[in-house]
Amino acid sequence: MDHAEDERKVLEDRFHKTYRSLKKKYGLRSHESFDIFGNNLIEIWECKGERKGRRVCKVEEETPEECLRRATGDLEWYAMIKDIKNGQEEKEDGKRAV
């Protein structure tokens, strides 16, 4: 294995680890497509049952490595925003209960 293959493996592992941790929690589904012509795409959607909901991210880049890097960053950002929103909702629910 050369350096480029090692980097891609690390990026794939990081992306899939991040995605799997959020998949069940938020009902996510992904579509990934990579080819030799530079048509690299990752789309991630929130789903309710079989129905697609809001698109979480759509990443199109020249290389699979850049695509994985950006999609991982988008997922981390998505998780942070969701956690902030959930924390605010819990605070509001606590105020109502008092």
N, C-alpha and C. Protein backbone atom coordinates (compact mmCIF):
# COMPACT_ATOMS: atom_id res chain seq x y z
N MET A 1 0.83 -1.19 0.00
CA MET A 1 0.00 0.00 0.00
C MET A 1 0.87 1.25 0.00
N ASP A 2 0.46 2.21 -0.77
CA ASP A 2 1.19 3.47 -0.77
C ASP A 2 0.47 4.49 0.11
N HIS A 3 1.05 5.66 0.18
CA HIS A 3 0.51 6.71 1.07
C HIS A 3 -0.92 7.11 0.69
N ALA A 4 -1.22 7.22 -0.60
CA ALA A 4 -2.57 7.61 -1.04
C ALA A 4 -3.62 6.59 -0.62
N GLU A 5 -3.28 5.31 -0.73
CA GLU A 5 -4.22 4.26 -0.32
C GLU A 5 -4.43 4.28 1.19
N ASP A 6 -3.35 4.52 1.93
CA ASP A 6 -3.45 4.62 3.39
C ASP A 6 -4.35 5.79 3.79
N GLU A 7 -4.16 6.92 3.13
CA GLU A 7 -4.97 8.11 3.43
C GLU A 7 -6.45 7.83 3.14
N ARG A 8 -6.72 7.22 2.01
CA ARG A 8 -8.12 6.93 1.66
C ARG A 8 -8.75 5.98 2.68
N LYS A 9 -8.00 4.96 3.10
CA LYS A 9 -8.51 4.01 4.08
C LYS A 9 -8.85 4.73 5.39
N VAL A 10 -7.97 5.60 5.83
CA VAL A 10 -8.20 6.36 7.07
C VAL A 10 -9.45 7.24 6.92
N LEU A 11 -9.57 7.92 5.76
CA LEU A 11 -10.73 8.78 5.52
C LEU A 11 -12.03 7.98 5.45
N GLU A 12 -11.99 6.81 4.80
CA GLU A 12 -13.18 5.95 4.74
C GLU A 12 -13.58 5.48 6.12
N ASP A 13 -12.60 5.04 6.92
CA ASP A 13 -12.89 4.59 8.28
C ASP A 13 -13.51 5.70 9.12
N ARG A 14 -12.94 6.89 9.02
CA ARG A 14 -13.44 8.03 9.80
C ARG A 14 -14.86 8.40 9.37
N PHE A 15 -15.10 8.44 8.04
CA PHE A 15 -16.43 8.75 7.53
C PHE A 15 -17.45 7.73 8.02
N HIS A 16 -17.15 6.44 7.83
CA HIS A 16 -18.12 5.40 8.19
C HIS A 16 -18.34 5.31 9.70
N LYS A 17 -17.30 5.57 10.49
CA LYS A 17 -17.47 5.59 11.95
C LYS A 17 -18.41 6.72 12.35
N THR A 18 -18.19 7.90 11.77
CA THR A 18 -19.05 9.05 12.06
C THR A 18 -20.48 8.79 11.60
N TYR A 19 -20.62 8.29 10.38
CA TYR A 19 -21.94 8.02 9.82
C TYR A 19 -22.70 6.97 10.65
N ARG A 20 -22.03 5.86 10.98
CA ARG A 20 -22.71 4.80 11.75
C ARG A 20 -23.17 5.30 13.12
N SER A 21 -22.37 6.17 13.74
CA SER A 21 -22.75 6.67 15.07
C SER A 21 -24.02 7.54 15.00
N LEU A 22 -24.27 8.16 13.85
CA LEU A 22 -25.43 9.04 13.71
C LEU A 22 -26.60 8.36 13.00
N LYS A 23 -26.34 7.26 12.31
CA LYS A 23 -27.35 6.62 11.47
C LYS A 23 -28.61 6.25 12.25
N LYS A 24 -28.46 5.50 13.33
CA LYS A 24 -29.63 5.08 14.11
C LYS A 24 -30.24 6.24 14.89
N LYS A 25 -29.38 7.07 15.44
CA LYS A 25 -29.84 8.17 16.29
C LYS A 25 -30.77 9.12 15.54
N TYR A 26 -30.44 9.40 14.26
CA TYR A 26 -31.21 10.37 13.49
C TYR A 26 -31.88 9.79 12.25
N GLY A 27 -31.85 8.47 12.08
CA GLY A 27 -32.50 7.84 10.94
C GLY A 27 -31.89 8.23 9.60
N LEU A 28 -30.58 8.19 9.51
CA LEU A 28 -29.90 8.64 8.30
C LEU A 28 -29.75 7.50 7.27
N ARG A 29 -29.71 7.90 6.02
CA ARG A 29 -29.39 6.99 4.91
C ARG A 29 -28.41 7.70 4.00
N SER A 30 -27.51 6.91 3.40
CA SER A 30 -26.52 7.52 2.52
C SER A 30 -26.52 6.88 1.14
N HIS A 31 -26.07 7.65 0.19
CA HIS A 31 -25.81 7.18 -1.16
C HIS A 31 -24.42 7.65 -1.52
N GLU A 32 -23.56 6.71 -1.91
CA GLU A 32 -22.19 7.04 -2.25
C GLU A 32 -21.89 6.52 -3.64
N SER A 33 -21.21 7.31 -4.44
CA SER A 33 -20.84 6.90 -5.78
C SER A 33 -19.47 7.49 -6.12
N PHE A 34 -18.53 6.61 -6.49
CA PHE A 34 -17.19 7.05 -6.88
C PHE A 34 -16.83 6.36 -8.19
N ASP A 35 -16.25 7.11 -9.13
CA ASP A 35 -15.80 6.48 -10.37
C ASP A 35 -14.48 7.10 -10.85
N ILE A 36 -13.92 6.52 -11.88
CA ILE A 36 -12.60 6.96 -12.36
C ILE A 36 -12.66 8.26 -13.14
N PHE A 37 -13.86 8.74 -13.45
CA PHE A 37 -14.01 9.96 -14.24
C PHE A 37 -14.17 11.21 -13.38
N GLY A 38 -14.04 11.07 -12.07
CA GLY A 38 -14.14 12.23 -11.18
C GLY A 38 -15.55 12.55 -10.76
N ASN A 39 -16.49 11.63 -11.01
CA ASN A 39 -17.87 11.83 -10.57
C ASN A 39 -18.02 11.19 -9.19
N ASN A 40 -17.63 11.92 -8.19
CA ASN A 40 -17.64 11.42 -6.81
C ASN A 40 -18.74 12.14 -6.04
N LEU A 41 -19.60 11.35 -5.41
CA LEU A 41 -20.79 11.91 -4.77
C LEU A 41 -21.09 11.17 -3.48
N ILE A 42 -21.43 11.92 -2.45
CA ILE A 42 -21.99 11.37 -1.22
C ILE A 42 -23.19 12.23 -0.87
N GLU A 43 -24.34 11.59 -0.70
CA GLU A 43 -25.56 12.25 -0.23
C GLU A 43 -26.02 11.55 1.03
N ILE A 44 -26.46 12.32 2.00
CA ILE A 44 -26.99 11.77 3.25
C ILE A 44 -28.32 12.44 3.54
N TRP A 45 -29.31 11.61 3.87
CA TRP A 45 -30.68 12.07 4.11
C TRP A 45 -31.15 11.64 5.49
N GLU A 46 -32.00 12.46 6.10
CA GLU A 46 -32.78 12.05 7.27
C GLU A 46 -33.99 11.31 6.72
N CYS A 47 -34.33 10.17 7.31
CA CYS A 47 -35.48 9.40 6.82
C CYS A 47 -36.41 9.06 7.97
N LYS A 48 -37.67 9.00 7.64
CA LYS A 48 -38.68 8.56 8.60
C LYS A 48 -39.32 7.32 7.98
N GLY A 49 -38.96 6.14 8.48
CA GLY A 49 -39.40 4.90 7.86
C GLY A 49 -38.75 4.76 6.50
N GLU A 50 -39.56 4.55 5.49
CA GLU A 50 -39.06 4.42 4.13
C GLU A 50 -39.02 5.75 3.38
N ARG A 51 -39.55 6.79 3.98
CA ARG A 51 -39.68 8.08 3.32
C ARG A 51 -38.47 8.98 3.58
N LYS A 52 -37.90 9.51 2.49
CA LYS A 52 -36.80 10.46 2.63
C LYS A 52 -37.33 11.77 3.18
N GLY A 53 -36.56 12.34 4.07
CA GLY A 53 -36.90 13.64 4.61
C GLY A 53 -35.92 14.68 4.10
N ARG A 54 -35.36 15.41 5.04
CA ARG A 54 -34.44 16.50 4.73
C ARG A 54 -33.07 15.95 4.34
N ARG A 55 -32.46 16.56 3.31
CA ARG A 55 -31.09 16.17 2.93
C ARG A 55 -30.13 16.82 3.91
N VAL A 56 -29.29 16.00 4.51
CA VAL A 56 -28.30 16.48 5.47
C VAL A 56 -27.09 17.05 4.74
N CYS A 57 -26.62 16.35 3.71
CA CYS A 57 -25.51 16.88 2.93
C CYS A 57 -25.46 16.25 1.55
N LYS A 58 -24.90 17.02 0.64
CA LYS A 58 -24.60 16.54 -0.71
C LYS A 58 -23.22 17.05 -1.04
N VAL A 59 -22.30 16.12 -1.27
CA VAL A 59 -20.91 16.48 -1.51
C VAL A 59 -20.49 15.90 -2.86
N GLU A 60 -20.01 16.77 -3.74
CA GLU A 60 -19.45 16.35 -5.02
C GLU A 60 -18.05 16.95 -5.13
N GLU A 61 -17.06 16.11 -5.29
CA GLU A 61 -15.67 16.57 -5.38
C GLU A 61 -14.95 15.81 -6.48
N GLU A 62 -13.77 16.31 -6.86
CA GLU A 62 -12.96 15.70 -7.91
C GLU A 62 -12.39 14.35 -7.49
N THR A 63 -11.99 14.24 -6.22
CA THR A 63 -11.37 12.99 -5.75
C THR A 63 -12.23 12.37 -4.65
N PRO A 64 -12.19 11.04 -4.54
CA PRO A 64 -12.92 10.37 -3.45
C PRO A 64 -12.44 10.84 -2.07
N GLU A 65 -11.14 11.11 -1.96
CA GLU A 65 -10.60 11.54 -0.67
C GLU A 65 -11.21 12.87 -0.23
N GLU A 66 -11.30 13.83 -1.15
CA GLU A 66 -11.90 15.13 -0.82
C GLU A 66 -13.38 14.97 -0.51
N CYS A 67 -14.03 14.10 -1.23
CA CYS A 67 -15.46 13.84 -1.01
C CYS A 67 -15.68 13.28 0.41
N LEU A 68 -14.88 12.30 0.78
CA LEU A 68 -14.99 11.70 2.12
C LEU A 68 -14.66 12.71 3.21
N ARG A 69 -13.63 13.51 2.97
CA ARG A 69 -13.21 14.52 3.96
C ARG A 69 -14.33 15.54 4.20
N ARG A 70 -14.92 16.06 3.13
CA ARG A 70 -15.99 17.06 3.27
C ARG A 70 -17.25 16.46 3.88
N ALA A 71 -17.61 15.24 3.45
CA ALA A 71 -18.82 14.61 3.99
C ALA A 71 -18.66 14.34 5.49
N THR A 72 -17.48 13.93 5.91
CA THR A 72 -17.23 13.70 7.34
C THR A 72 -17.38 15.01 8.11
N GLY A 73 -16.82 16.07 7.58
CA GLY A 73 -16.95 17.38 8.22
C GLY A 73 -18.40 17.83 8.30
N ASP A 74 -19.15 17.61 7.22
CA ASP A 74 -20.57 17.97 7.21
C ASP A 74 -21.34 17.17 8.26
N LEU A 75 -21.03 15.87 8.38
CA LEU A 75 -21.71 15.04 9.39
C LEU A 75 -21.37 15.50 10.81
N GLU A 76 -20.13 15.83 11.04
CA GLU A 76 -19.74 16.31 12.37
C GLU A 76 -20.45 17.62 12.70
N TRP A 77 -20.57 18.50 11.73
CA TRP A 77 -21.29 19.77 11.91
C TRP A 77 -22.76 19.50 12.19
N TYR A 78 -23.36 18.60 11.42
CA TYR A 78 -24.77 18.21 11.59
C TYR A 78 -25.00 17.69 13.00
N ALA A 79 -24.13 16.81 13.48
CA ALA A 79 -24.27 16.25 14.82
C ALA A 79 -24.18 17.34 15.88
N MET A 80 -23.26 18.28 15.70
CA MET A 80 -23.11 19.36 16.67
C MET A 80 -24.38 20.23 16.72
N ILE A 81 -24.91 20.57 15.57
CA ILE A 81 -26.13 21.39 15.51
C ILE A 81 -27.31 20.64 16.14
N LYS A 82 -27.45 19.35 15.82
CA LYS A 82 -28.54 18.55 16.40
C LYS A 82 -28.41 18.48 17.92
N ASP A 83 -27.20 18.30 18.42
CA ASP A 83 -26.99 18.23 19.87
C ASP A 83 -27.35 19.55 20.53
N ILE A 84 -27.00 20.67 19.89
CA ILE A 84 -27.34 21.98 20.44
C ILE A 84 -28.86 22.14 20.47
N LYS A 85 -29.53 21.80 19.37
CA LYS A 85 -30.99 21.92 19.31
C LYS A 85 -31.65 21.03 20.35
N ASN A 86 -31.16 19.80 20.50
CA ASN A 86 -31.74 18.89 21.49
C ASN A 86 -31.52 19.41 22.90
N GLY A 87 -30.37 20.01 23.17
CA GLY A 87 -30.10 20.60 24.49
C GLY A 87 -31.02 21.75 24.79
N GLN A 88 -31.31 22.58 23.78
CA GLN A 88 -32.22 23.71 23.97
C GLN A 88 -33.64 23.22 24.22
N GLU A 89 -34.05 22.16 23.52
CA GLU A 89 -35.39 21.62 23.72
C GLU A 89 -35.54 21.04 25.11
N GLU A 90 -34.49 20.38 25.62
CA GLU A 90 -34.53 19.81 26.97
C GLU A 90 -34.64 20.92 28.01
N LYS A 91 -33.94 22.04 27.80
CA LYS A 91 -34.02 23.17 28.73
C LYS A 91 -35.43 23.75 28.74
N GLU A 92 -36.02 23.89 27.55
CA GLU A 92 -37.38 24.44 27.45
C GLU A 92 -38.38 23.49 28.13
N ASP A 93 -38.21 22.19 27.94
CA ASP A 93 -39.10 21.22 28.59
C ASP A 93 -38.96 21.29 30.10
N GLY A 94 -37.74 21.50 30.59
CA GLY A 94 -37.49 21.62 32.03
C GLY A 94 -38.15 22.86 32.60
N LYS A 95 -38.15 23.95 31.87
CA LYS A 95 -38.79 25.19 32.32
C LYS A 95 -40.29 25.02 32.39
N ARG A 96 -40.86 24.31 31.42
CA ARG A 96 -42.31 24.09 31.41
C ARG A 96 -42.76 23.21 32.58
N ALA A 97 -41.91 22.26 32.96
CA ALA A 97 -42.28 21.33 34.03
C ALA A 97 -42.27 22.00 35.39
N VAL A 98 -41.50 23.08 35.55
CA VAL A 98 -41.38 23.75 36.85
C VAL A 98 -42.54 24.59 37.16
